[in-house]
Full PDB file with SEQRES, HELIX, SHEET, SSBOND, CRYST1, ORIGX, SCALE, CONECT and MASTER records, all heavy atoms in Angstrom:
SEQRES   1 A   41  THR LEU THR ILE ALA GLY ILE VAL LEU GLY ARG SER ALA          
SEQRES   2 A   41  ASN TRP GLY ALA GLN MET ARG ASP ALA HIS GLY VAL PRO          
SEQRES   3 A   41  LEU ARG ALA ALA PHE ALA ARG PHE TRP PRO HIS THR LEU          
SEQRES   4 A   41  LEU GLY                                                      
HELIX    1 AA1 LEU A    2  VAL A    8  1                                   7    
HELIX    2 AA2 LEU A   27  LEU A   40  1                                  14    
CRYST1    1.000    1.000    1.000  90.00  90.00  90.00 P 1           1          
ORIGX1      1.000000  0.000000  0.000000        0.00000                         
ORIGX2      0.000000  1.000000  0.000000        0.00000                         
ORIGX3      0.000000  0.000000  1.000000        0.00000                         
SCALE1      1.000000  0.000000  0.000000        0.00000                         
SCALE2      0.000000  1.000000  0.000000        0.00000                         
SCALE3      0.000000  0.000000  1.000000        0.00000                         
ATOM      1  N   THR A   1      -6.987  -8.186  -2.076  1.00  0.00           N  
ATOM      2  CA  THR A   1      -8.391  -7.844  -1.724  1.00  0.00           C  
ATOM      3  C   THR A   1      -8.844  -6.359  -1.598  1.00  0.00           C  
ATOM      4  O   THR A   1      -9.819  -5.901  -2.038  1.00  0.00           O  
ATOM      5  CB  THR A   1      -8.733  -8.702  -0.513  1.00  0.00           C  
ATOM      6  OG1 THR A   1      -8.365 -10.050  -0.703  1.00  0.00           O  
ATOM      7  CG2 THR A   1     -10.180  -8.480  -0.101  1.00  0.00           C  
ATOM      8  N   LEU A   2      -7.865  -5.706  -0.981  1.00  0.00           N  
ATOM      9  CA  LEU A   2      -8.048  -4.190  -0.919  1.00  0.00           C  
ATOM     10  C   LEU A   2      -8.072  -3.527  -2.223  1.00  0.00           C  
ATOM     11  O   LEU A   2      -8.811  -2.561  -2.462  1.00  0.00           O  
ATOM     12  CB  LEU A   2      -6.989  -3.570   0.046  1.00  0.00           C  
ATOM     13  CG  LEU A   2      -6.983  -3.987   1.544  1.00  0.00           C  
ATOM     14  CD1 LEU A   2      -5.769  -3.478   2.222  1.00  0.00           C  
ATOM     15  CD2 LEU A   2      -8.224  -3.592   2.242  1.00  0.00           C  
ATOM     16  N   THR A   3      -7.198  -3.958  -3.156  1.00  0.00           N  
ATOM     17  CA  THR A   3      -7.193  -3.350  -4.512  1.00  0.00           C  
ATOM     18  C   THR A   3      -8.457  -3.664  -5.103  1.00  0.00           C  
ATOM     19  O   THR A   3      -9.055  -2.712  -5.824  1.00  0.00           O  
ATOM     20  CB  THR A   3      -6.008  -3.864  -5.179  1.00  0.00           C  
ATOM     21  OG1 THR A   3      -4.817  -3.629  -4.573  1.00  0.00           O  
ATOM     22  CG2 THR A   3      -5.905  -3.375  -6.654  1.00  0.00           C  
ATOM     23  N   ILE A   4      -8.903  -4.830  -5.083  1.00  0.00           N  
ATOM     24  CA  ILE A   4     -10.219  -5.189  -5.823  1.00  0.00           C  
ATOM     25  C   ILE A   4     -11.338  -4.436  -5.176  1.00  0.00           C  
ATOM     26  O   ILE A   4     -12.304  -3.967  -5.891  1.00  0.00           O  
ATOM     27  CB  ILE A   4     -10.454  -6.780  -5.725  1.00  0.00           C  
ATOM     28  CG1 ILE A   4      -9.299  -7.430  -6.636  1.00  0.00           C  
ATOM     29  CG2 ILE A   4     -11.838  -7.170  -6.254  1.00  0.00           C  
ATOM     30  CD1 ILE A   4      -9.286  -8.887  -6.580  1.00  0.00           C  
ATOM     31  N   ALA A   5     -11.366  -4.302  -3.923  1.00  0.00           N  
ATOM     32  CA  ALA A   5     -12.429  -3.572  -3.163  1.00  0.00           C  
ATOM     33  C   ALA A   5     -12.399  -2.101  -3.744  1.00  0.00           C  
ATOM     34  O   ALA A   5     -13.432  -1.408  -3.927  1.00  0.00           O  
ATOM     35  CB  ALA A   5     -12.185  -3.614  -1.681  1.00  0.00           C  
ATOM     36  N   GLY A   6     -11.142  -1.546  -3.907  1.00  0.00           N  
ATOM     37  CA  GLY A   6     -11.083  -0.195  -4.390  1.00  0.00           C  
ATOM     38  C   GLY A   6     -11.601  -0.076  -5.893  1.00  0.00           C  
ATOM     39  O   GLY A   6     -12.260   0.934  -6.141  1.00  0.00           O  
ATOM     40  N   ILE A   7     -11.377  -1.059  -6.661  1.00  0.00           N  
ATOM     41  CA  ILE A   7     -11.978  -1.187  -8.003  1.00  0.00           C  
ATOM     42  C   ILE A   7     -13.371  -1.100  -7.953  1.00  0.00           C  
ATOM     43  O   ILE A   7     -14.160  -0.386  -8.708  1.00  0.00           O  
ATOM     44  CB  ILE A   7     -11.391  -2.336  -8.815  1.00  0.00           C  
ATOM     45  CG1 ILE A   7      -9.869  -2.258  -9.040  1.00  0.00           C  
ATOM     46  CG2 ILE A   7     -12.060  -2.502 -10.214  1.00  0.00           C  
ATOM     47  CD1 ILE A   7      -9.250  -3.413  -9.572  1.00  0.00           C  
ATOM     48  N   VAL A   8     -14.016  -2.016  -7.111  1.00  0.00           N  
ATOM     49  CA  VAL A   8     -15.485  -2.039  -6.932  1.00  0.00           C  
ATOM     50  C   VAL A   8     -16.084  -0.665  -6.509  1.00  0.00           C  
ATOM     51  O   VAL A   8     -17.095  -0.265  -6.986  1.00  0.00           O  
ATOM     52  CB  VAL A   8     -15.860  -3.127  -6.061  1.00  0.00           C  
ATOM     53  CG1 VAL A   8     -17.343  -3.112  -5.699  1.00  0.00           C  
ATOM     54  CG2 VAL A   8     -15.463  -4.583  -6.601  1.00  0.00           C  
ATOM     55  N   LEU A   9     -15.404  -0.118  -5.605  1.00  0.00           N  
ATOM     56  CA  LEU A   9     -15.829   1.259  -5.107  1.00  0.00           C  
ATOM     57  C   LEU A   9     -15.570   2.446  -6.063  1.00  0.00           C  
ATOM     58  O   LEU A   9     -15.853   3.499  -5.721  1.00  0.00           O  
ATOM     59  CB  LEU A   9     -15.204   1.493  -3.819  1.00  0.00           C  
ATOM     60  CG  LEU A   9     -15.609   0.537  -2.543  1.00  0.00           C  
ATOM     61  CD1 LEU A   9     -14.784   0.769  -1.342  1.00  0.00           C  
ATOM     62  CD2 LEU A   9     -17.050   0.587  -2.340  1.00  0.00           C  
ATOM     63  N   GLY A  10     -14.902   2.166  -7.198  1.00  0.00           N  
ATOM     64  CA  GLY A  10     -14.639   3.256  -8.150  1.00  0.00           C  
ATOM     65  C   GLY A  10     -13.455   4.072  -7.820  1.00  0.00           C  
ATOM     66  O   GLY A  10     -13.262   5.168  -8.423  1.00  0.00           O  
ATOM     67  N   ARG A  11     -12.563   3.612  -7.052  1.00  0.00           N  
ATOM     68  CA  ARG A  11     -11.366   4.422  -6.748  1.00  0.00           C  
ATOM     69  C   ARG A  11     -10.318   4.354  -7.856  1.00  0.00           C  
ATOM     70  O   ARG A  11     -10.006   3.264  -8.295  1.00  0.00           O  
ATOM     71  CB  ARG A  11     -10.795   4.009  -5.321  1.00  0.00           C  
ATOM     72  CG  ARG A  11     -11.662   4.131  -4.169  1.00  0.00           C  
ATOM     73  CD  ARG A  11     -10.922   3.653  -2.894  1.00  0.00           C  
ATOM     74  NE  ARG A  11     -11.881   3.740  -1.738  1.00  0.00           N  
ATOM     75  CZ  ARG A  11     -11.621   3.221  -0.575  1.00  0.00           C  
ATOM     76  NH1 ARG A  11     -10.524   2.463  -0.390  1.00  0.00           N  
ATOM     77  NH2 ARG A  11     -12.405   3.370   0.464  1.00  0.00           N  
ATOM     78  N   SER A  12      -9.799   5.535  -8.125  1.00  0.00           N  
ATOM     79  CA  SER A  12      -8.715   5.517  -9.145  1.00  0.00           C  
ATOM     80  C   SER A  12      -7.365   5.384  -8.476  1.00  0.00           C  
ATOM     81  O   SER A  12      -7.243   5.476  -7.301  1.00  0.00           O  
ATOM     82  CB  SER A  12      -8.828   6.852  -9.905  1.00  0.00           C  
ATOM     83  OG  SER A  12      -8.597   7.932  -9.124  1.00  0.00           O  
ATOM     84  N   ALA A  13      -6.335   5.227  -9.360  1.00  0.00           N  
ATOM     85  CA  ALA A  13      -4.952   5.089  -8.837  1.00  0.00           C  
ATOM     86  C   ALA A  13      -4.068   5.677  -9.824  1.00  0.00           C  
ATOM     87  O   ALA A  13      -4.207   5.637 -11.086  1.00  0.00           O  
ATOM     88  CB  ALA A  13      -4.633   3.633  -8.557  1.00  0.00           C  
ATOM     89  N   ASN A  14      -2.978   6.289  -9.337  1.00  0.00           N  
ATOM     90  CA  ASN A  14      -1.979   6.909 -10.209  1.00  0.00           C  
ATOM     91  C   ASN A  14      -0.674   6.112 -10.003  1.00  0.00           C  
ATOM     92  O   ASN A  14      -0.292   5.693  -8.835  1.00  0.00           O  
ATOM     93  CB  ASN A  14      -1.729   8.416  -9.872  1.00  0.00           C  
ATOM     94  CG  ASN A  14      -3.009   9.247 -10.177  1.00  0.00           C  
ATOM     95  OD1 ASN A  14      -3.577   9.054 -11.278  1.00  0.00           O  
ATOM     96  ND2 ASN A  14      -3.431  10.018  -9.291  1.00  0.00           N  
ATOM     97  N   TRP A  15       0.066   5.923 -11.089  1.00  0.00           N  
ATOM     98  CA  TRP A  15       1.317   5.197 -10.997  1.00  0.00           C  
ATOM     99  C   TRP A  15       2.554   6.185 -11.281  1.00  0.00           C  
ATOM    100  O   TRP A  15       2.538   6.789 -12.325  1.00  0.00           O  
ATOM    101  CB  TRP A  15       1.289   4.118 -11.930  1.00  0.00           C  
ATOM    102  CG  TRP A  15      -0.053   3.343 -11.889  1.00  0.00           C  
ATOM    103  CD1 TRP A  15      -0.941   3.233 -12.881  1.00  0.00           C  
ATOM    104  CD2 TRP A  15      -0.592   2.576 -10.743  1.00  0.00           C  
ATOM    105  NE1 TRP A  15      -2.070   2.498 -12.423  1.00  0.00           N  
ATOM    106  CE2 TRP A  15      -1.808   2.081 -11.226  1.00  0.00           C  
ATOM    107  CE3 TRP A  15      -0.019   2.290  -9.476  1.00  0.00           C  
ATOM    108  CZ2 TRP A  15      -2.526   1.252 -10.322  1.00  0.00           C  
ATOM    109  CZ3 TRP A  15      -0.775   1.564  -8.660  1.00  0.00           C  
ATOM    110  CH2 TRP A  15      -2.007   0.965  -9.029  1.00  0.00           C  
ATOM    111  N   GLY A  16       3.427   6.179 -10.465  1.00  0.00           N  
ATOM    112  CA  GLY A  16       4.688   6.844 -10.699  1.00  0.00           C  
ATOM    113  C   GLY A  16       5.804   5.877 -11.072  1.00  0.00           C  
ATOM    114  O   GLY A  16       5.569   4.664 -11.314  1.00  0.00           O  
ATOM    115  N   ALA A  17       7.013   6.369 -11.138  1.00  0.00           N  
ATOM    116  CA  ALA A  17       8.130   5.554 -11.460  1.00  0.00           C  
ATOM    117  C   ALA A  17       8.378   4.518 -10.236  1.00  0.00           C  
ATOM    118  O   ALA A  17       8.172   4.868  -9.045  1.00  0.00           O  
ATOM    119  CB  ALA A  17       9.445   6.360 -11.677  1.00  0.00           C  
ATOM    120  N   GLN A  18       8.923   3.341 -10.575  1.00  0.00           N  
ATOM    121  CA  GLN A  18       9.116   2.456  -9.541  1.00  0.00           C  
ATOM    122  C   GLN A  18      10.438   2.755  -8.875  1.00  0.00           C  
ATOM    123  O   GLN A  18      11.430   3.175  -9.449  1.00  0.00           O  
ATOM    124  CB  GLN A  18       9.307   0.958 -10.177  1.00  0.00           C  
ATOM    125  CG  GLN A  18       7.947   0.423 -10.829  1.00  0.00           C  
ATOM    126  CD  GLN A  18       8.046  -0.912 -11.350  1.00  0.00           C  
ATOM    127  OE1 GLN A  18       8.560  -1.785 -10.718  1.00  0.00           O  
ATOM    128  NE2 GLN A  18       7.654  -1.102 -12.577  1.00  0.00           N  
ATOM    129  N   MET A  19      10.551   2.395  -7.540  1.00  0.00           N  
ATOM    130  CA  MET A  19      11.763   2.589  -6.860  1.00  0.00           C  
ATOM    131  C   MET A  19      12.559   1.284  -6.924  1.00  0.00           C  
ATOM    132  O   MET A  19      12.003   0.145  -6.636  1.00  0.00           O  
ATOM    133  CB  MET A  19      11.548   2.895  -5.373  1.00  0.00           C  
ATOM    134  CG  MET A  19      12.818   3.166  -4.548  1.00  0.00           C  
ATOM    135  SD  MET A  19      12.287   3.701  -2.844  1.00  0.00           S  
ATOM    136  CE  MET A  19      11.524   5.282  -3.188  1.00  0.00           C  
ATOM    137  N   ARG A  20      13.738   1.247  -7.382  1.00  0.00           N  
ATOM    138  CA  ARG A  20      14.482   0.067  -7.778  1.00  0.00           C  
ATOM    139  C   ARG A  20      15.697  -0.205  -6.907  1.00  0.00           C  
ATOM    140  O   ARG A  20      16.139  -1.440  -6.861  1.00  0.00           O  
ATOM    141  CB  ARG A  20      14.847   0.050  -9.252  1.00  0.00           C  
ATOM    142  CG  ARG A  20      13.760   0.334 -10.221  1.00  0.00           C  
ATOM    143  CD  ARG A  20      14.136   0.121 -11.746  1.00  0.00           C  
ATOM    144  NE  ARG A  20      13.066   0.558 -12.657  1.00  0.00           N  
ATOM    145  CZ  ARG A  20      12.007  -0.119 -13.003  1.00  0.00           C  
ATOM    146  NH1 ARG A  20      11.960  -1.377 -12.467  1.00  0.00           N  
ATOM    147  NH2 ARG A  20      11.127   0.295 -13.745  1.00  0.00           N  
ATOM    148  N   ASP A  21      16.258   0.704  -6.198  1.00  0.00           N  
ATOM    149  CA  ASP A  21      17.511   0.523  -5.421  1.00  0.00           C  
ATOM    150  C   ASP A  21      17.125   0.010  -4.019  1.00  0.00           C  
ATOM    151  O   ASP A  21      16.054   0.431  -3.530  1.00  0.00           O  
ATOM    152  CB  ASP A  21      18.314   1.781  -5.275  1.00  0.00           C  
ATOM    153  CG  ASP A  21      18.820   2.251  -6.629  1.00  0.00           C  
ATOM    154  OD1 ASP A  21      19.432   1.359  -7.274  1.00  0.00           O  
ATOM    155  OD2 ASP A  21      18.633   3.390  -7.050  1.00  0.00           O  
ATOM    156  N   ALA A  22      17.920  -0.812  -3.479  1.00  0.00           N  
ATOM    157  CA  ALA A  22      17.721  -1.369  -2.147  1.00  0.00           C  
ATOM    158  C   ALA A  22      17.800  -0.132  -1.209  1.00  0.00           C  
ATOM    159  O   ALA A  22      18.629   0.761  -1.176  1.00  0.00           O  
ATOM    160  CB  ALA A  22      18.833  -2.383  -1.860  1.00  0.00           C  
ATOM    161  N   HIS A  23      16.856  -0.231  -0.204  1.00  0.00           N  
ATOM    162  CA  HIS A  23      16.830   0.841   0.827  1.00  0.00           C  
ATOM    163  C   HIS A  23      16.093   0.367   2.071  1.00  0.00           C  
ATOM    164  O   HIS A  23      15.323  -0.569   1.942  1.00  0.00           O  
ATOM    165  CB  HIS A  23      16.133   2.146   0.265  1.00  0.00           C  
ATOM    166  CG  HIS A  23      14.755   1.886  -0.184  1.00  0.00           C  
ATOM    167  ND1 HIS A  23      14.414   1.361  -1.292  1.00  0.00           N  
ATOM    168  CD2 HIS A  23      13.659   2.185   0.449  1.00  0.00           C  
ATOM    169  CE1 HIS A  23      13.033   1.176  -1.413  1.00  0.00           C  
ATOM    170  NE2 HIS A  23      12.608   1.746  -0.338  1.00  0.00           N  
ATOM    171  N   GLY A  24      16.186   0.930   3.181  1.00  0.00           N  
ATOM    172  CA  GLY A  24      15.514   0.552   4.335  1.00  0.00           C  
ATOM    173  C   GLY A  24      14.111   1.179   4.359  1.00  0.00           C  
ATOM    174  O   GLY A  24      13.759   2.201   3.662  1.00  0.00           O  
ATOM    175  N   VAL A  25      13.116   0.533   5.006  1.00  0.00           N  
ATOM    176  CA  VAL A  25      11.770   1.057   5.176  1.00  0.00           C  
ATOM    177  C   VAL A  25      11.641   1.352   6.639  1.00  0.00           C  
ATOM    178  O   VAL A  25      11.540   0.396   7.511  1.00  0.00           O  
ATOM    179  CB  VAL A  25      10.747  -0.135   4.712  1.00  0.00           C  
ATOM    180  CG1 VAL A  25       9.431   0.304   5.155  1.00  0.00           C  
ATOM    181  CG2 VAL A  25      10.919  -0.366   3.210  1.00  0.00           C  
ATOM    182  N   PRO A  26      11.255   2.532   7.031  1.00  0.00           N  
ATOM    183  CA  PRO A  26      11.121   2.947   8.409  1.00  0.00           C  
ATOM    184  C   PRO A  26       9.751   2.437   8.986  1.00  0.00           C  
ATOM    185  O   PRO A  26       8.873   2.113   8.134  1.00  0.00           O  
ATOM    186  CB  PRO A  26      11.183   4.525   8.289  1.00  0.00           C  
ATOM    187  CG  PRO A  26      10.817   4.851   6.947  1.00  0.00           C  
ATOM    188  CD  PRO A  26      11.307   3.775   6.098  1.00  0.00           C  
ATOM    189  N   LEU A  27       9.633   2.391  10.243  1.00  0.00           N  
ATOM    190  CA  LEU A  27       8.476   1.935  10.881  1.00  0.00           C  
ATOM    191  C   LEU A  27       7.187   2.642  10.430  1.00  0.00           C  
ATOM    192  O   LEU A  27       6.157   2.069  10.205  1.00  0.00           O  
ATOM    193  CB  LEU A  27       8.656   2.015  12.436  1.00  0.00           C  
ATOM    194  CG  LEU A  27       7.403   1.752  13.260  1.00  0.00           C  
ATOM    195  CD1 LEU A  27       6.936   0.257  13.039  1.00  0.00           C  
ATOM    196  CD2 LEU A  27       7.644   1.874  14.767  1.00  0.00           C  
ATOM    197  N   ARG A  28       7.268   4.016  10.350  1.00  0.00           N  
ATOM    198  CA  ARG A  28       6.224   4.914  10.065  1.00  0.00           C  
ATOM    199  C   ARG A  28       5.638   4.453   8.655  1.00  0.00           C  
ATOM    200  O   ARG A  28       4.418   4.250   8.514  1.00  0.00           O  
ATOM    201  CB  ARG A  28       6.496   6.347  10.073  1.00  0.00           C  
ATOM    202  CG  ARG A  28       5.365   7.306   9.678  1.00  0.00           C  
ATOM    203  CD  ARG A  28       5.716   8.751   9.972  1.00  0.00           C  
ATOM    204  NE  ARG A  28       5.866   9.051  11.317  1.00  0.00           N  
ATOM    205  CZ  ARG A  28       6.240  10.233  11.775  1.00  0.00           C  
ATOM    206  NH1 ARG A  28       6.349  11.296  10.940  1.00  0.00           N  
ATOM    207  NH2 ARG A  28       6.346  10.441  13.020  1.00  0.00           N  
ATOM    208  N   ALA A  29       6.541   4.315   7.650  1.00  0.00           N  
ATOM    209  CA  ALA A  29       6.091   3.944   6.314  1.00  0.00           C  
ATOM    210  C   ALA A  29       5.541   2.644   6.286  1.00  0.00           C  
ATOM    211  O   ALA A  29       4.468   2.308   5.573  1.00  0.00           O  
ATOM    212  CB  ALA A  29       7.222   4.087   5.329  1.00  0.00           C  
ATOM    213  N   ALA A  30       6.052   1.692   7.009  1.00  0.00           N  
ATOM    214  CA  ALA A  30       5.598   0.281   6.936  1.00  0.00           C  
ATOM    215  C   ALA A  30       4.223   0.233   7.666  1.00  0.00           C  
ATOM    216  O   ALA A  30       3.351  -0.423   7.138  1.00  0.00           O  
ATOM    217  CB  ALA A  30       6.624  -0.588   7.720  1.00  0.00           C  
ATOM    218  N   PHE A  31       4.053   0.921   8.747  1.00  0.00           N  
ATOM    219  CA  PHE A  31       2.800   0.912   9.512  1.00  0.00           C  
ATOM    220  C   PHE A  31       1.646   1.665   8.607  1.00  0.00           C  
ATOM    221  O   PHE A  31       0.540   1.155   8.472  1.00  0.00           O  
ATOM    222  CB  PHE A  31       2.827   1.623  10.691  1.00  0.00           C  
ATOM    223  CG  PHE A  31       1.592   1.469  11.548  1.00  0.00           C  
ATOM    224  CD1 PHE A  31       1.227   0.271  12.173  1.00  0.00           C  
ATOM    225  CD2 PHE A  31       0.728   2.565  11.635  1.00  0.00           C  
ATOM    226  CE1 PHE A  31       0.058   0.279  12.979  1.00  0.00           C  
ATOM    227  CE2 PHE A  31      -0.487   2.567  12.380  1.00  0.00           C  
ATOM    228  CZ  PHE A  31      -0.812   1.282  13.016  1.00  0.00           C  
ATOM    229  N   ALA A  32       2.016   2.760   7.899  1.00  0.00           N  
ATOM    230  CA  ALA A  32       1.100   3.471   7.104  1.00  0.00           C  
ATOM    231  C   ALA A  32       0.597   2.578   5.939  1.00  0.00           C  
ATOM    232  O   ALA A  32      -0.563   2.718   5.576  1.00  0.00           O  
ATOM    233  CB  ALA A  32       1.731   4.724   6.493  1.00  0.00           C  
ATOM    234  N   ARG A  33       1.423   1.704   5.466  1.00  0.00           N  
ATOM    235  CA  ARG A  33       1.004   0.922   4.359  1.00  0.00           C  
ATOM    236  C   ARG A  33       0.326  -0.433   4.786  1.00  0.00           C  
ATOM    237  O   ARG A  33      -0.611  -0.897   4.052  1.00  0.00           O  
ATOM    238  CB  ARG A  33       2.238   0.535   3.514  1.00  0.00           C  
ATOM    239  CG  ARG A  33       1.964  -0.348   2.282  1.00  0.00           C  
ATOM    240  CD  ARG A  33       1.079   0.351   1.350  1.00  0.00           C  
ATOM    241  NE  ARG A  33       0.754  -0.484   0.094  1.00  0.00           N  
ATOM    242  CZ  ARG A  33      -0.130  -1.382   0.020  1.00  0.00           C  
ATOM    243  NH1 ARG A  33      -0.909  -1.593   1.068  1.00  0.00           N  
ATOM    244  NH2 ARG A  33      -0.343  -2.124  -1.084  1.00  0.00           N  
ATOM    245  N   PHE A  34       0.663  -0.846   5.955  1.00  0.00           N  
ATOM    246  CA  PHE A  34       0.217  -2.208   6.190  1.00  0.00           C  
ATOM    247  C   PHE A  34      -0.590  -2.354   7.560  1.00  0.00           C  
ATOM    248  O   PHE A  34      -0.811  -3.516   8.043  1.00  0.00           O  
ATOM    249  CB  PHE A  34       1.491  -3.258   6.343  1.00  0.00           C  
ATOM    250  CG  PHE A  34       2.139  -3.456   5.116  1.00  0.00           C  
ATOM    251  CD1 PHE A  34       3.484  -3.094   4.848  1.00  0.00           C  
ATOM    252  CD2 PHE A  34       1.455  -4.079   3.969  1.00  0.00           C  
ATOM    253  CE1 PHE A  34       4.129  -3.231   3.616  1.00  0.00           C  
ATOM    254  CE2 PHE A  34       2.156  -4.267   2.876  1.00  0.00           C  
ATOM    255  CZ  PHE A  34       3.432  -3.873   2.617  1.00  0.00           C  
ATOM    256  N   TRP A  35      -1.121  -1.228   8.035  1.00  0.00           N  
ATOM    257  CA  TRP A  35      -1.963  -1.321   9.200  1.00  0.00           C  
ATOM    258  C   TRP A  35      -3.227  -2.088   8.971  1.00  0.00           C  
ATOM    259  O   TRP A  35      -3.664  -2.745   9.905  1.00  0.00           O  
ATOM    260  CB  TRP A  35      -2.171   0.098   9.804  1.00  0.00           C  
ATOM    261  CG  TRP A  35      -3.132   0.946   8.907  1.00  0.00           C  
ATOM    262  CD1 TRP A  35      -2.805   1.917   7.980  1.00  0.00           C  
ATOM    263  CD2 TRP A  35      -4.573   0.854   8.920  1.00  0.00           C  
ATOM    264  NE1 TRP A  35      -3.844   2.434   7.472  1.00  0.00           N  
ATOM    265  CE2 TRP A  35      -4.977   1.872   8.014  1.00  0.00           C  
ATOM    266  CE3 TRP A  35      -5.536   0.142   9.654  1.00  0.00           C  
ATOM    267  CZ2 TRP A  35      -6.393   2.072   7.724  1.00  0.00           C  
ATOM    268  CZ3 TRP A  35      -6.925   0.335   9.390  1.00  0.00           C  
ATOM    269  CH2 TRP A  35      -7.349   1.261   8.441  1.00  0.00           C  
ATOM    270  N   PRO A  36      -3.837  -1.953   7.770  1.00  0.00           N  
ATOM    271  CA  PRO A  36      -5.015  -2.866   7.598  1.00  0.00           C  
ATOM    272  C   PRO A  36      -4.705  -4.349   7.718  1.00  0.00           C  
ATOM    273  O   PRO A  36      -5.533  -5.182   8.173  1.00  0.00           O  
ATOM    274  CB  PRO A  36      -5.525  -2.549   6.191  1.00  0.00           C  
ATOM    275  CG  PRO A  36      -4.919  -1.127   5.929  1.00  0.00           C  
ATOM    276  CD  PRO A  36      -3.622  -1.166   6.547  1.00  0.00           C  
ATOM    277  N   HIS A  37      -3.568  -4.774   7.114  1.00  0.00           N  
ATOM    278  CA  HIS A  37      -3.109  -6.166   7.296  1.00  0.00           C  
ATOM    279  C   HIS A  37      -2.992  -6.583   8.681  1.00  0.00           C  
ATOM    280  O   HIS A  37      -3.435  -7.663   9.072  1.00  0.00           O  
ATOM    281  CB  HIS A  37      -1.800  -6.370   6.500  1.00  0.00           C  
ATOM    282  CG  HIS A  37      -1.818  -5.866   5.124  1.00  0.00           C  
ATOM    283  ND1 HIS A  37      -2.002  -4.540   4.815  1.00  0.00           N  
ATOM    284  CD2 HIS A  37      -1.761  -6.523   3.838  1.00  0.00           C  
ATOM    285  CE1 HIS A  37      -1.977  -4.412   3.488  1.00  0.00           C  
ATOM    286  NE2 HIS A  37      -1.840  -5.585   2.907  1.00  0.00           N  
ATOM    287  N   THR A  38      -2.311  -5.764   9.492  1.00  0.00           N  
ATOM    288  CA  THR A  38      -2.097  -5.963  10.905  1.00  0.00           C  
ATOM    289  C   THR A  38      -3.429  -6.121  11.603  1.00  0.00           C  
ATOM    290  O   THR A  38      -3.602  -6.993  12.425  1.00  0.00           O  
ATOM    291  CB  THR A  38      -1.229  -4.841  11.502  1.00  0.00           C  
ATOM    292  OG1 THR A  38      -0.044  -4.749  10.860  1.00  0.00           O  
ATOM    293  CG2 THR A  38      -0.916  -5.232  13.018  1.00  0.00           C  
ATOM    294  N   LEU A  39      -4.341  -5.206  11.358  1.00  0.00           N  
ATOM    295  CA  LEU A  39      -5.667  -5.322  11.956  1.00  0.00           C  
ATOM    296  C   LEU A  39      -6.389  -6.539  11.640  1.00  0.00           C  
ATOM    297  O   LEU A  39      -7.023  -7.186  12.545  1.00  0.00           O  
ATOM    298  CB  LEU A  39      -6.497  -4.006  11.579  1.00  0.00           C  
ATOM    299  CG  LEU A  39      -7.911  -3.876  12.195  1.00  0.00           C  
ATOM    300  CD1 LEU A  39      -7.792  -3.831  13.651  1.00  0.00           C  
ATOM    301  CD2 LEU A  39      -8.631  -2.723  11.684  1.00  0.00           C  
ATOM    302  N   LEU A  40      -6.335  -6.954  10.433  1.00  0.00           N  
ATOM    303  CA  LEU A  40      -7.006  -8.146  10.062  1.00  0.00           C  
ATOM    304  C   LEU A  40      -6.359  -9.382  10.691  1.00  0.00           C  
ATOM    305  O   LEU A  40      -7.000 -10.287  11.119  1.00  0.00           O  
ATOM    306  CB  LEU A  40      -6.962  -8.274   8.443  1.00  0.00           C  
ATOM    307  CG  LEU A  40      -7.806  -9.497   7.970  1.00  0.00           C  
ATOM    308  CD1 LEU A  40      -9.297  -9.368   8.215  1.00  0.00           C  
ATOM    309  CD2 LEU A  40      -7.629  -9.509   6.437  1.00  0.00           C  
ATOM    310  N   GLY A  41      -4.955  -9.317  10.838  1.00  0.00           N  
ATOM    311  CA  GLY A  41      -4.310 -10.531  11.439  1.00  0.00           C  
ATOM    312  C   GLY A  41      -4.634 -10.541  12.956  1.00  0.00           C  
ATOM    313  O   GLY A  41      -4.833 -11.629  13.508  1.00  0.00           O  
TER     314      GLY A  41                                                      
MASTER        0    0    0    2    0    0    0    6  313    1    0    4          
END                                                                             
């Protein structure tokens, strides 16, 4: 839904290489990406 809203608002996006190796996700990175989801929940 957020992606589609960005399309409607005309926001562009850039794509880099995908990260493929298993690794941990720190709290700061998780919160930065998913705080809108948490707020909606």
